[in-house]
Protein backbone atom coordinates (compact mmCIF):
# COMPACT_ATOMS: atom_id res chain seq x y z
CA MET A 1 10.64 -15.13 -0.49
CA SER A 2 7.54 -16.76 0.90
CA THR A 3 4.58 -18.41 -0.78
CA ILE A 4 0.98 -18.02 0.34
CA SER A 5 -2.23 -19.69 -0.69
CA VAL A 6 -5.28 -17.45 -0.94
CA PRO A 7 -8.76 -18.73 -1.69
CA LEU A 8 -10.52 -16.55 -4.28
CA LYS A 9 -14.21 -16.15 -4.96
CA PRO A 10 -15.12 -17.06 -8.56
CA GLU A 11 -15.60 -13.41 -9.57
CA LEU A 12 -12.11 -12.54 -8.30
CA GLU A 13 -10.59 -15.43 -10.20
CA LYS A 14 -12.38 -14.28 -13.38
CA GLY A 15 -11.06 -10.77 -12.80
CA LEU A 16 -7.57 -12.13 -12.27
CA GLU A 17 -7.72 -14.09 -15.53
CA ARG A 18 -8.98 -10.96 -17.32
CA LEU A 19 -6.05 -8.94 -15.99
CA ILE A 20 -3.61 -11.56 -17.24
CA LYS A 21 -5.22 -11.44 -20.71
CA GLN A 22 -4.97 -7.63 -20.64
CA GLY A 23 -1.24 -7.88 -19.96
CA TYR A 24 -1.09 -6.72 -16.34
CA GLY A 25 1.07 -9.74 -15.58
CA SER A 26 2.27 -12.98 -17.08
CA ASN A 27 0.49 -15.21 -14.55
CA LYS A 28 -1.70 -15.09 -11.44
CA ALA A 29 1.20 -14.66 -9.03
CA ASP A 30 2.67 -11.83 -11.11
CA VAL A 31 -0.64 -9.93 -11.21
CA LEU A 32 -1.15 -10.36 -7.46
CA ARG A 33 2.41 -9.23 -6.67
CA ARG A 34 1.95 -6.14 -8.82
CA ALA A 35 -1.41 -5.40 -7.20
CA LEU A 36 0.08 -5.68 -3.72
CA GLU A 37 3.02 -3.44 -4.65
CA LYS A 38 0.57 -0.86 -6.05
CA LEU A 39 -1.55 -0.99 -2.88
CA ILE A 40 1.52 -0.45 -0.69
CA GLU A 41 2.67 2.43 -2.89
CA ASP A 42 -0.80 4.01 -2.88
CA GLU A 43 -0.95 3.74 0.91
CA ALA A 44 2.42 5.51 1.26
CA ILE A 45 1.34 8.27 -1.13
CA GLN A 46 -1.92 8.71 0.79
CA ALA A 47 0.03 9.05 4.07
CA VAL A 48 2.18 11.80 2.53
CA LEU A 49 -0.88 13.63 1.18
CA ILE A 50 -2.58 13.47 4.59
CA SER A 51 0.59 14.76 6.27
CA GLU A 52 0.81 17.64 3.80
CA GLN A 53 -2.84 18.53 4.42
CA GLU A 54 -2.34 18.43 8.18
CA ALA A 55 0.71 20.68 7.84
CA ARG A 56 -1.33 23.19 5.80
CA GLU A 57 -3.94 23.12 8.58
CA GLY A 58 -1.28 23.81 11.19
CA LYS A 59 -1.53 20.34 12.72
CA ILE A 60 2.21 19.82 13.05
CA LEU A 61 4.51 18.92 15.91
CA ARG A 62 7.51 21.07 16.66
CA GLY A 63 10.54 20.14 18.69
CA ASP A 64 12.85 17.21 19.24
CA LEU A 65 11.25 14.09 17.78
CA ARG A 66 12.89 11.87 20.42
CA LYS A 67 11.31 13.95 23.17
CA LEU A 68 7.95 14.04 21.43
CA LEU A 69 8.02 10.24 21.21
CA GLY A 70 9.13 9.91 24.82
CA TYR A 71 12.54 8.37 24.09
CA THR A 72 14.52 10.84 26.19
CA LYS A 73 14.16 12.12 29.69
């Protein structure tokens, strides 16, 4: 596990303290970890939704994935 130091603007620090008081985490690090996990999860869900939409629109690739990516001759 690594540790990072991130400077926060005063309004972000106030928001962070508010989230702790509201029970989103037990301390600043906990709230930030949870927020980052949520962002990563939301990004993955968005990628799936975009892929599903593209499939509905017929924007799909067919064939051998290795060939499509250029990994085979």
